[in-house]
Amino acid sequence: MGPEALRVAGLGEALARHGFNVIDRGNLSGPPNPSLPPVDGYRHRAEVFEWNRSVHDAVYRDLTLGHLPVLLGGDHSLGIGSISAVARYCREAGLDLRVLWLDAHADFNTRELSPSGNLHGMPLACLCGFGPRELVQLGGSTPAISPQCIRQVGIRSVDAGERSFVHEQGLEVFDMRSIDEWGVRQVMDLALADLDANTHLHVSFDVDFLDPEIAPGVGTTVPGGPSYREAQLCMEMISDTGRLGSVDIVELNPALDVRNKTATLAVDLVESLFGKSTLIRRPVVDRVLEHAGHRLSLGRGCGQTWPGIRSAKKSMKARTEGSNPRRVGNTT
């Protein structure tokens, strides 16, 4: 239902207005949800694998055609298939991969840690090598990615055992406390630092990343998420890098929405992700260095440090000079 709600909200037309040639591949097919309890710690393992195999093949095919695949979900377990495909493509093309995970949840559970056995709470763990063999090996390499290439933003719901595991694996997590303390601009500077012309940026956007006051149409709402303006700034700063190479939009549930409010908001945010802007803005390097210099001088006066400004200064020029031309948009 989620993909259809995004279509009804005008996702394809919105991207076309920004100069993309949008090819809607239609819906993938897979087995139904049998609604069974966990077996050996996993719910619906066979069905999740079949869906992710289809997703992997579709995303990998479009990447090799030079397209920018946009996966419409579906729950976030589909990120196993899409990111496995992106990681495979990056290995073969000699590209560095950065995964930006926008979510209320860490999604780094294992069967030993998960209270439910739901694989949609385990996709990042599977991608990092902790999960069922068939999912871990989906993209032809085990693990598909390293925890060091992941940046999580907006996290505010983590299971007890999962919290320790995230810490042990060294994931870089910018939870809502980080946003409260530093602000979205500082958090995104850090999350996007050190991107260059050889980086493929994959954005995995779980709609429950947003505060449920503005996005009620999800199955696992968590209060205290980013506001509309905070989410817009996230998307605009990602767009400014020029490195966006693939996208997931997942966990939209129109049955829980109010007059398609959440789908409409998601389309609005994705437009910003793909370049919608109120004004014609100066190059990002000029704006960031000017802003960073102001904050550094303020920090010196207050006796404080501003984490990440140094790396932001080093990386912004590379991010700007390495911006790739607009590529063909594709909705999978």
Protein backbone atom coordinates (compact mmCIF):
# COMPACT_ATOMS: atom_id res chain seq x y z
CA MET A 1 0.00 0.00 0.00
CA GLY A 2 2.86 2.38 0.73
CA PRO A 3 4.17 2.57 -2.86
CA GLU A 4 0.66 3.29 -4.18
CA ALA A 5 0.16 6.07 -1.63
CA LEU A 6 3.42 7.70 -2.77
CA ARG A 7 2.31 7.43 -6.38
CA VAL A 8 -1.08 8.99 -5.54
CA ALA A 9 0.76 11.79 -3.71
CA GLY A 10 2.58 12.55 -6.97
CA LEU A 11 6.12 11.30 -6.40
CA GLY A 12 6.84 10.57 -10.06
CA GLU A 13 5.43 13.89 -11.25
CA ALA A 14 7.33 15.79 -8.55
CA LEU A 15 10.67 14.33 -9.63
CA ALA A 16 9.88 14.93 -13.29
CA ARG A 17 9.35 18.64 -12.52
CA HIS A 18 12.98 18.75 -11.38
CA GLY A 19 14.31 17.48 -14.68
CA PHE A 20 14.43 13.74 -14.06
CA ASN A 21 13.29 11.16 -16.56
CA VAL A 22 11.22 8.97 -14.22
CA ILE A 23 10.69 5.33 -15.14
CA ASP A 24 8.15 3.61 -12.90
CA ARG A 25 9.06 -0.08 -12.93
CA GLY A 26 5.82 -1.02 -11.18
CA ASN A 27 5.57 -3.30 -8.17
CA LEU A 28 7.81 -6.25 -7.50
CA SER A 29 6.12 -9.52 -6.59
CA GLY A 30 6.80 -11.85 -3.70
CA PRO A 31 5.19 -14.19 -1.18
CA PRO A 32 2.41 -13.01 1.17
CA ASN A 33 2.94 -12.38 4.86
CA PRO A 34 1.96 -15.61 6.66
CA SER A 35 1.70 -13.92 10.11
CA LEU A 36 3.51 -16.74 11.92
CA PRO A 37 5.58 -16.70 15.13
CA PRO A 38 9.39 -16.75 15.00
CA VAL A 39 11.26 -19.91 14.02
CA ASP A 40 14.86 -20.12 15.30
CA GLY A 41 14.66 -16.46 16.25
CA TYR A 42 13.38 -15.09 12.91
CA ARG A 43 9.88 -14.30 11.70
CA HIS A 44 9.10 -15.02 8.05
CA ARG A 45 12.72 -15.70 7.14
CA ALA A 46 11.96 -17.40 3.82
CA GLU A 47 9.51 -14.72 2.73
CA VAL A 48 11.85 -11.88 3.67
CA PHE A 49 14.63 -13.53 1.67
CA GLU A 50 12.46 -13.89 -1.44
CA TRP A 51 11.42 -10.25 -1.33
CA ASN A 52 14.97 -9.07 -0.79
CA ARG A 53 16.31 -11.20 -3.62
CA SER A 54 13.82 -9.48 -5.96
CA VAL A 55 14.78 -6.07 -4.60
CA HIS A 56 18.50 -6.78 -4.95
CA ASP A 57 18.16 -7.85 -8.57
CA ALA A 58 15.98 -4.86 -9.51
CA VAL A 59 18.20 -2.25 -7.81
CA TYR A 60 21.43 -3.76 -9.13
CA ARG A 61 20.06 -3.86 -12.68
CA ASP A 62 19.13 -0.19 -12.66
CA LEU A 63 22.46 0.85 -11.14
CA THR A 64 24.32 -0.94 -13.93
CA LEU A 65 22.15 0.93 -16.45
CA GLY A 66 23.33 4.24 -14.97
CA HIS A 67 20.01 4.99 -13.29
CA LEU A 68 19.34 6.29 -9.80
CA PRO A 69 17.05 3.69 -8.21
CA VAL A 70 14.36 4.75 -5.75
CA LEU A 71 12.90 1.82 -3.82
CA LEU A 72 9.38 2.28 -2.46
CA GLY A 73 8.51 0.03 0.50
CA GLY A 74 7.37 -1.89 2.29
CA ASP A 75 9.07 -2.40 5.64
CA HIS A 76 12.71 -1.57 6.29
CA SER A 77 13.90 -5.17 5.95
CA LEU A 78 13.87 -4.40 2.20
CA GLY A 79 16.96 -2.29 2.85
CA ILE A 80 18.90 -5.56 2.99
CA GLY A 81 18.24 -6.16 -0.69
CA SER A 82 18.68 -2.59 -1.87
CA ILE A 83 21.89 -1.84 0.06
CA SER A 84 23.37 -5.26 -0.79
CA ALA A 85 22.86 -4.32 -4.44
CA VAL A 86 24.36 -0.86 -3.97
CA ALA A 87 27.36 -2.31 -2.12
CA ARG A 88 27.90 -4.85 -4.92
CA TYR A 89 27.74 -2.09 -7.52
CA CYS A 90 30.20 0.07 -5.56
CA ARG A 91 32.70 -2.80 -5.21
CA GLU A 92 32.61 -3.45 -8.93
CA ALA A 93 32.82 0.26 -9.84
CA GLY A 94 35.57 1.04 -7.33
CA LEU A 95 33.41 3.51 -5.40
CA ASP A 96 33.28 4.27 -1.70
CA LEU A 97 29.87 3.76 -0.12
CA ARG A 98 28.22 5.93 2.51
CA VAL A 99 24.87 4.76 3.92
CA LEU A 100 22.77 7.47 5.56
CA TRP A 101 20.08 5.76 7.67
CA LEU A 102 17.24 8.15 8.59
CA ASP A 103 15.12 6.31 11.15
CA ALA A 104 13.64 6.37 14.63
CA HIS A 105 15.09 2.90 15.24
CA ALA A 106 18.65 1.57 15.11
CA ASP A 107 17.55 -1.62 13.26
CA PHE A 108 20.68 -3.42 14.49
CA ASN A 109 19.09 -6.34 16.31
CA THR A 110 20.04 -10.00 15.99
CA ARG A 111 17.92 -13.04 16.73
CA GLU A 112 19.62 -13.30 20.13
CA LEU A 113 18.77 -9.69 20.96
CA SER A 114 15.43 -9.09 19.25
CA PRO A 115 12.34 -9.30 21.49
CA SER A 116 10.11 -10.03 18.46
CA GLY A 117 12.18 -11.83 15.83
CA ASN A 118 11.02 -9.32 13.21
CA LEU A 119 13.64 -8.93 10.49
CA HIS A 120 12.60 -5.33 9.88
CA GLY A 121 14.43 -4.63 13.16
CA MET A 122 17.61 -6.33 11.88
CA PRO A 123 18.48 -5.02 8.39
CA LEU A 124 21.66 -3.13 9.30
CA ALA A 125 22.91 -6.04 11.39
CA CYS A 126 22.31 -8.39 8.45
CA LEU A 127 24.17 -6.05 6.10
CA CYS A 128 27.10 -6.01 8.53
CA GLY A 129 27.24 -9.81 8.65
CA PHE A 130 25.02 -10.67 11.62
CA GLY A 131 21.98 -12.56 10.39
CA PRO A 132 20.67 -15.49 8.35
CA ARG A 133 23.26 -16.78 5.89
CA GLU A 134 21.09 -16.26 2.82
CA LEU A 135 20.49 -12.59 3.69
CA VAL A 136 24.06 -11.91 4.79
CA GLN A 137 25.40 -13.29 1.49
CA LEU A 138 22.75 -11.76 -0.76
CA GLY A 139 25.06 -9.36 -2.60
CA GLY A 140 27.89 -11.85 -3.08
CA SER A 141 30.17 -10.55 -0.32
CA THR A 142 30.08 -11.15 3.43
CA PRO A 143 29.56 -8.77 5.04
CA ALA A 144 27.92 -6.53 2.45
CA ILE A 145 29.08 -3.37 4.23
CA SER A 146 31.17 -2.27 7.18
CA PRO A 147 29.63 -0.48 10.18
CA GLN A 148 32.12 2.33 9.46
CA CYS A 149 30.27 3.37 6.29
CA ILE A 150 26.95 3.90 8.14
CA ARG A 151 25.67 7.16 9.60
CA GLN A 152 22.39 6.96 11.52
CA VAL A 153 20.34 10.11 12.11
CA GLY A 154 17.20 10.65 14.21
CA ILE A 155 17.50 7.52 16.36
CA ARG A 156 15.36 7.51 19.50
CA SER A 157 14.24 3.90 20.03
CA VAL A 158 16.85 1.20 20.71
CA ASP A 159 16.30 -2.13 22.48
CA ALA A 160 18.40 -2.80 25.58
CA GLY A 161 20.68 -5.49 24.14
CA GLU A 162 20.80 -3.73 20.79
CA ARG A 163 22.18 -0.59 22.43
CA SER A 164 25.28 -2.44 23.66
CA PHE A 165 25.74 -4.17 20.30
CA VAL A 166 25.58 -0.87 18.40
CA HIS A 167 28.28 0.48 20.72
CA GLU A 168 30.47 -2.61 20.32
CA GLN A 169 30.31 -2.41 16.52
CA GLY A 170 31.25 1.26 16.46
CA LEU A 171 28.28 2.61 14.51
CA GLU A 172 28.22 6.39 14.16
CA VAL A 173 24.81 7.33 15.53
CA PHE A 174 23.35 10.83 15.73
CA ASP A 175 20.34 10.32 17.98
CA MET A 176 17.73 12.93 18.80
CA ARG A 177 19.83 14.12 21.74
CA SER A 178 22.58 14.98 19.26
CA ILE A 179 20.09 17.00 17.21
CA ASP A 180 18.75 18.70 20.36
CA GLU A 181 22.24 19.63 21.54
CA TRP A 182 23.98 20.51 18.27
CA GLY A 183 21.16 21.24 15.85
CA VAL A 184 20.45 19.63 12.50
CA ARG A 185 23.10 21.64 10.65
CA GLN A 186 25.95 20.41 12.85
CA VAL A 187 24.69 16.81 12.83
CA MET A 188 24.39 16.73 9.04
CA ASP A 189 27.81 18.34 8.60
CA LEU A 190 29.22 15.41 10.57
CA ALA A 191 27.10 12.74 8.90
CA LEU A 192 28.09 13.97 5.43
CA ALA A 193 31.73 14.81 6.18
CA ASP A 194 34.49 13.48 3.91
CA LEU A 195 32.29 12.67 0.92
CA ASP A 196 34.15 13.14 -2.34
CA ALA A 197 33.81 12.48 -6.07
CA ASN A 198 34.42 8.77 -5.51
CA THR A 199 31.56 8.38 -3.00
CA HIS A 200 28.18 6.82 -3.71
CA LEU A 201 25.67 8.10 -1.14
CA HIS A 202 22.72 5.84 -0.37
CA VAL A 203 19.87 7.34 1.66
CA SER A 204 17.57 4.90 3.44
CA PHE A 205 14.58 6.99 4.57
CA ASP A 206 12.22 5.32 7.03
CA VAL A 207 9.20 7.60 7.31
CA ASP A 208 9.05 6.98 11.08
CA PHE A 209 12.22 9.12 11.20
CA LEU A 210 9.76 12.03 11.31
CA ASP A 211 7.84 13.15 14.36
CA PRO A 212 4.43 11.39 14.40
CA GLU A 213 2.68 14.73 14.86
CA ILE A 214 3.53 15.49 11.24
CA ALA A 215 3.78 11.90 9.94
CA PRO A 216 1.21 9.62 11.59
CA GLY A 217 1.05 7.08 8.75
CA VAL A 218 3.60 4.58 10.05
CA GLY A 219 3.29 1.37 12.05
CA THR A 220 5.89 2.13 14.72
CA THR A 221 5.57 5.77 15.74
CA VAL A 222 8.07 7.17 18.24
CA PRO A 223 7.45 10.65 19.67
CA GLY A 224 10.12 13.32 19.59
CA GLY A 225 11.34 13.06 16.01
CA PRO A 226 12.51 15.78 13.63
CA SER A 227 10.11 18.59 12.79
CA TYR A 228 9.13 19.55 9.25
CA ARG A 229 11.84 22.20 8.99
CA GLU A 230 14.49 19.97 10.55
CA ALA A 231 13.66 17.19 8.07
CA GLN A 232 13.72 19.64 5.18
CA LEU A 233 17.18 20.83 6.15
CA CYS A 234 18.40 17.22 6.31
CA MET A 235 17.19 16.61 2.77
CA GLU A 236 18.51 19.90 1.42
CA MET A 237 21.97 19.29 2.85
CA ILE A 238 22.06 15.80 1.35
CA SER A 239 21.12 17.28 -2.02
CA ASP A 240 23.86 19.90 -1.69
CA THR A 241 26.53 17.17 -1.67
CA GLY A 242 25.74 16.15 -5.25
CA ARG A 243 26.62 12.55 -4.31
CA LEU A 244 23.14 10.99 -4.03
CA GLY A 245 23.17 7.68 -5.89
CA SER A 246 20.23 5.63 -4.57
CA VAL A 247 17.28 5.93 -2.18
CA ASP A 248 14.90 3.80 -0.12
CA ILE A 249 11.54 5.21 1.06
CA VAL A 250 10.02 2.71 3.46
CA GLU A 251 7.53 2.02 6.28
CA LEU A 252 4.72 4.23 4.98
CA ASN A 253 1.38 2.71 6.02
CA PRO A 254 -1.57 4.57 4.45
CA ALA A 255 -4.04 2.56 6.55
CA LEU A 256 -2.78 4.54 9.56
CA ASP A 257 -2.48 7.86 7.74
CA VAL A 258 -4.82 10.85 7.79
CA ARG A 259 -5.95 11.88 4.27
CA ASN A 260 -2.59 10.76 2.81
CA LYS A 261 -0.86 13.43 4.92
CA THR A 262 2.29 11.37 5.51
CA ALA A 263 2.68 10.35 1.88
CA THR A 264 2.29 13.97 0.77
CA LEU A 265 4.93 15.04 3.28
CA ALA A 266 7.28 12.26 2.17
CA VAL A 267 6.99 13.41 -1.44
CA ASP A 268 7.69 17.00 -0.39
CA LEU A 269 10.85 15.89 1.44
CA VAL A 270 12.01 13.69 -1.40
CA GLU A 271 11.65 16.67 -3.75
CA SER A 272 14.12 18.53 -1.53
CA LEU A 273 16.39 15.48 -1.54
CA PHE A 274 16.44 15.74 -5.34
CA GLY A 275 17.12 19.45 -5.49
CA LYS A 276 14.01 21.49 -4.75
CA SER A 277 15.08 24.85 -3.33
CA THR A 278 13.32 28.10 -2.50
CA LEU A 279 16.22 30.18 -3.86
CA ILE A 280 19.20 29.82 -6.16
CA ARG A 281 21.87 29.38 -3.53
CA ARG A 282 25.61 30.02 -3.50
CA PRO A 283 27.89 26.97 -3.76
CA VAL A 284 27.77 24.87 -0.61
CA VAL A 285 31.50 25.27 0.12
CA ASP A 286 31.17 29.07 0.40
CA ARG A 287 28.19 28.85 2.70
CA VAL A 288 29.61 26.13 4.94
CA LEU A 289 33.03 27.70 5.35
CA GLU A 290 31.48 31.06 6.12
CA HIS A 291 29.13 29.43 8.64
CA ALA A 292 31.90 27.29 10.12
CA GLY A 293 34.17 30.30 10.54
CA HIS A 294 31.44 32.18 12.39
CA ARG A 295 30.83 29.26 14.71
CA LEU A 296 34.53 28.65 15.32
CA SER A 297 35.04 32.24 16.38
CA LEU A 298 31.96 32.02 18.59
CA GLY A 299 33.28 28.76 20.09
CA ARG A 300 36.63 30.35 20.92
CA GLY A 301 34.90 33.24 22.64
CA CYS A 302 32.82 30.87 24.74
CA GLY A 303 35.65 28.45 25.46
CA GLN A 304 33.82 25.63 23.59
CA THR A 305 34.71 23.32 20.73
CA TRP A 306 32.49 22.50 17.79
CA PRO A 307 32.96 18.86 16.78
CA GLY A 308 33.22 18.18 13.10
CA ILE A 309 33.87 21.70 11.83
CA ARG A 310 37.45 20.85 10.91
CA SER A 311 36.41 17.79 8.91
CA ALA A 312 33.57 19.78 7.35
CA LYS A 313 36.03 22.42 6.16
CA LYS A 314 38.26 19.80 4.58
CA SER A 315 35.48 17.92 2.88
CA MET A 316 33.10 20.60 1.61
CA LYS A 317 35.32 21.63 -1.30
CA ALA A 318 35.67 18.05 -2.44
CA ARG A 319 31.94 17.54 -2.10
CA THR A 320 31.22 20.58 -4.25
CA GLU A 321 33.84 19.96 -6.92
CA GLY A 322 32.85 16.31 -7.10
CA SER A 323 29.16 16.93 -7.66
CA ASN A 324 27.91 14.65 -10.37
CA PRO A 325 25.52 15.78 -13.09
CA ARG A 326 21.85 15.00 -12.68
CA ARG A 327 21.23 11.40 -13.64
CA VAL A 328 18.17 9.57 -14.77
CA GLY A 329 15.64 9.05 -12.00
CA ASN A 330 14.07 5.66 -11.61
CA THR A 331 11.27 4.50 -9.34
CA THR A 332 11.38 0.81 -8.47
